[in-house]
């Protein structure tokens, strides 16, 4: 699998693009509430729920303590990107257009 295929599955797929857009909106809302509200509360739960299955595993690794903000954001971004890749792979595989292994082409003229 080439880097171009990974980028296409993660970003250029319509389902992945919609998912990344929704996560981007959730992060923008959480950032705006954090900056302009007196008490933001649990506003960052919404972006974490967008990345729920993988992000829950990361939360279990940390245990009871709350990670630093930079670690929280890094894990959130990585979990969202991995889930976008998986979503793009599922969509392309369901369409039957996913080729994970390139078969060597036979040398010689192509049949017409």
C-alpha atoms as a PDB file:
ATOM      1  CA  UNK A   1       0.000   0.000   0.000  1.00  0.00           C
ATOM      2  CA  UNK A   2       1.504   3.287  -1.069  1.00  0.00           C
ATOM      3  CA  UNK A   3       1.393   6.632   0.687  1.00  0.00           C
ATOM      4  CA  UNK A   4      -0.940   7.925  -2.020  1.00  0.00           C
ATOM      5  CA  UNK A   5      -3.410   5.139  -1.269  1.00  0.00           C
ATOM      6  CA  UNK A   6      -3.294   5.887   2.451  1.00  0.00           C
ATOM      7  CA  UNK A   7      -3.913   9.590   1.840  1.00  0.00           C
ATOM      8  CA  UNK A   8      -6.739   8.817  -0.588  1.00  0.00           C
ATOM      9  CA  UNK A   9      -8.422   6.464   1.860  1.00  0.00           C
ATOM     10  CA  UNK A  10      -7.991   8.852   4.794  1.00  0.00           C
ATOM     11  CA  UNK A  11      -8.882  12.214   3.249  1.00  0.00           C
ATOM     12  CA  UNK A  12     -10.235  11.933  -0.317  1.00  0.00           C
ATOM     13  CA  UNK A  13     -12.938   9.375   0.322  1.00  0.00           C
ATOM     14  CA  UNK A  14     -16.396  11.022   0.643  1.00  0.00           C
ATOM     15  CA  UNK A  15     -17.267   9.169   3.853  1.00  0.00           C
ATOM     16  CA  UNK A  16     -13.914  10.012   5.420  1.00  0.00           C
ATOM     17  CA  UNK A  17     -14.223  13.650   4.356  1.00  0.00           C
ATOM     18  CA  UNK A  18     -17.649  13.942   5.997  1.00  0.00           C
ATOM     19  CA  UNK A  19     -16.335  12.300   9.170  1.00  0.00           C
ATOM     20  CA  UNK A  20     -13.305  14.604   9.308  1.00  0.00           C
ATOM     21  CA  UNK A  21     -15.549  17.603   8.689  1.00  0.00           C
ATOM     22  CA  UNK A  22     -17.827  16.674  11.582  1.00  0.00           C
ATOM     23  CA  UNK A  23     -14.850  16.202  13.877  1.00  0.00           C
ATOM     24  CA  UNK A  24     -13.455  19.550  12.729  1.00  0.00           C
ATOM     25  CA  UNK A  25     -16.736  21.274  13.588  1.00  0.00           C
ATOM     26  CA  UNK A  26     -16.788  19.605  17.009  1.00  0.00           C
ATOM     27  CA  UNK A  27     -13.212  20.743  17.708  1.00  0.00           C
ATOM     28  CA  UNK A  28     -13.995  24.292  16.500  1.00  0.00           C
ATOM     29  CA  UNK A  29     -17.049  24.510  18.776  1.00  0.00           C
ATOM     30  CA  UNK A  30     -15.092  23.137  21.734  1.00  0.00           C
ATOM     31  CA  UNK A  31     -12.271  25.603  21.108  1.00  0.00           C
ATOM     32  CA  UNK A  32     -14.670  28.536  20.835  1.00  0.00           C
ATOM     33  CA  UNK A  33     -16.463  27.579  24.038  1.00  0.00           C
ATOM     34  CA  UNK A  34     -13.156  27.128  25.841  1.00  0.00           C
ATOM     35  CA  UNK A  35     -11.928  30.554  24.749  1.00  0.00           C
ATOM     36  CA  UNK A  36     -15.083  32.607  25.265  1.00  0.00           C
ATOM     37  CA  UNK A  37     -17.082  30.929  28.044  1.00  0.00           C
ATOM     38  CA  UNK A  38     -16.616  31.548  31.744  1.00  0.00           C
ATOM     39  CA  UNK A  39     -16.789  27.831  32.537  1.00  0.00           C
ATOM     40  CA  UNK A  40     -16.348  25.529  29.532  1.00  0.00           C
ATOM     41  CA  UNK A  41     -17.188  22.433  31.559  1.00  0.00           C
ATOM     42  CA  UNK A  42     -17.117  19.184  29.662  1.00  0.00           C
ATOM     43  CA  UNK A  43     -17.156  20.669  26.170  1.00  0.00           C
ATOM     44  CA  UNK A  44     -14.187  18.559  25.005  1.00  0.00           C
ATOM     45  CA  UNK A  45     -16.229  15.410  25.514  1.00  0.00           C
ATOM     46  CA  UNK A  46     -17.907  15.939  22.117  1.00  0.00           C
ATOM     47  CA  UNK A  47     -14.685  15.700  20.057  1.00  0.00           C
ATOM     48  CA  UNK A  48     -13.594  12.760  22.204  1.00  0.00           C
ATOM     49  CA  UNK A  49     -16.893  11.008  21.463  1.00  0.00           C
ATOM     50  CA  UNK A  50     -16.286  11.494  17.739  1.00  0.00           C
ATOM     51  CA  UNK A  51     -13.147   9.390  18.169  1.00  0.00           C
ATOM     52  CA  UNK A  52     -14.729   7.093  20.719  1.00  0.00           C
ATOM     53  CA  UNK A  53     -13.621   3.497  20.060  1.00  0.00           C
ATOM     54  CA  UNK A  54      -9.901   4.221  19.791  1.00  0.00           C
ATOM     55  CA  UNK A  55      -9.947   7.140  22.191  1.00  0.00           C
ATOM     56  CA  UNK A  56     -11.494   4.926  24.873  1.00  0.00           C
ATOM     57  CA  UNK A  57      -8.545   2.552  24.549  1.00  0.00           C
ATOM     58  CA  UNK A  58      -6.177   5.481  25.008  1.00  0.00           C
ATOM     59  CA  UNK A  59      -8.103   6.596  28.098  1.00  0.00           C
ATOM     60  CA  UNK A  60      -7.818   3.091  29.540  1.00  0.00           C
ATOM     61  CA  UNK A  61      -4.049   3.208  29.036  1.00  0.00           C
ATOM     62  CA  UNK A  62      -3.787   6.446  31.029  1.00  0.00           C
ATOM     63  CA  UNK A  63      -5.808   5.082  33.917  1.00  0.00           C
ATOM     64  CA  UNK A  64      -7.247   7.507  36.456  1.00  0.00           C
ATOM     65  CA  UNK A  65      -5.058  10.518  35.738  1.00  0.00           C
ATOM     66  CA  UNK A  66      -5.861  13.195  33.203  1.00  0.00           C
ATOM     67  CA  UNK A  67      -3.198  13.571  30.487  1.00  0.00           C
ATOM     68  CA  UNK A  68      -1.609  16.890  29.604  1.00  0.00           C
ATOM     69  CA  UNK A  69      -3.416  19.035  27.033  1.00  0.00           C
ATOM     70  CA  UNK A  70      -0.811  18.419  24.311  1.00  0.00           C
ATOM     71  CA  UNK A  71      -1.068  14.671  24.816  1.00  0.00           C
ATOM     72  CA  UNK A  72      -4.871  14.794  24.771  1.00  0.00           C
ATOM     73  CA  UNK A  73      -4.929  16.719  21.469  1.00  0.00           C
ATOM     74  CA  UNK A  74      -2.251  14.507  19.884  1.00  0.00           C
ATOM     75  CA  UNK A  75      -4.115  11.339  20.820  1.00  0.00           C
ATOM     76  CA  UNK A  76      -7.373  12.818  19.585  1.00  0.00           C
ATOM     77  CA  UNK A  77      -5.867  13.696  16.194  1.00  0.00           C
ATOM     78  CA  UNK A  78      -4.203  10.296  15.794  1.00  0.00           C
ATOM     79  CA  UNK A  79      -7.365   8.414  16.756  1.00  0.00           C
ATOM     80  CA  UNK A  80      -9.466  10.450  14.324  1.00  0.00           C
ATOM     81  CA  UNK A  81      -7.004   9.875  11.475  1.00  0.00           C
ATOM     82  CA  UNK A  82      -6.843   6.127  12.107  1.00  0.00           C
ATOM     83  CA  UNK A  83     -10.639   5.907  12.241  1.00  0.00           C
ATOM     84  CA  UNK A  84     -10.899   7.935   9.031  1.00  0.00           C
ATOM     85  CA  UNK A  85      -8.500   5.501   7.349  1.00  0.00           C
ATOM     86  CA  UNK A  86     -10.537   2.524   8.560  1.00  0.00           C
ATOM     87  CA  UNK A  87     -13.769   4.159   7.405  1.00  0.00           C
ATOM     88  CA  UNK A  88     -12.300   4.860   3.967  1.00  0.00           C
ATOM     89  CA  UNK A  89     -11.007   1.296   3.711  1.00  0.00           C
ATOM     90  CA  UNK A  90     -14.413  -0.136   4.594  1.00  0.00           C
ATOM     91  CA  UNK A  91     -16.178   2.066   2.042  1.00  0.00           C
ATOM     92  CA  UNK A  92     -13.726   1.266  -0.752  1.00  0.00           C
ATOM     93  CA  UNK A  93     -13.789  -2.450   0.063  1.00  0.00           C
ATOM     94  CA  UNK A  94     -17.583  -2.468  -0.004  1.00  0.00           C
ATOM     95  CA  UNK A  95     -17.473  -0.886  -3.466  1.00  0.00           C
ATOM     96  CA  UNK A  96     -14.999  -3.530  -4.613  1.00  0.00           C
ATOM     97  CA  UNK A  97     -12.421  -0.961  -5.722  1.00  0.00           C
ATOM     98  CA  UNK A  98      -9.799  -1.573  -3.059  1.00  0.00           C
ATOM     99  CA  UNK A  99      -6.616  -3.236  -4.251  1.00  0.00           C
ATOM    100  CA  UNK A 100      -4.224  -3.818  -1.398  1.00  0.00           C
ATOM    101  CA  UNK A 101      -1.800  -5.891  -3.437  1.00  0.00           C
ATOM    102  CA  UNK A 102      -0.750  -5.037  -6.937  1.00  0.00           C
ATOM    103  CA  UNK A 103      -0.601  -8.037  -9.232  1.00  0.00           C
ATOM    104  CA  UNK A 104       2.281  -7.967 -11.663  1.00  0.00           C
ATOM    105  CA  UNK A 105       1.164  -7.305 -15.206  1.00  0.00           C
ATOM    106  CA  UNK A 106       2.210  -9.844 -17.771  1.00  0.00           C
ATOM    107  CA  UNK A 107       4.842  -8.702 -20.217  1.00  0.00           C
ATOM    108  CA  UNK A 108       3.609  -8.539 -23.744  1.00  0.00           C
ATOM    109  CA  UNK A 109       0.807  -6.984 -25.723  1.00  0.00           C
ATOM    110  CA  UNK A 110      -2.498  -6.372 -24.039  1.00  0.00           C
ATOM    111  CA  UNK A 111      -5.509  -8.184 -25.441  1.00  0.00           C
ATOM    112  CA  UNK A 112      -7.957  -5.844 -27.109  1.00  0.00           C
END
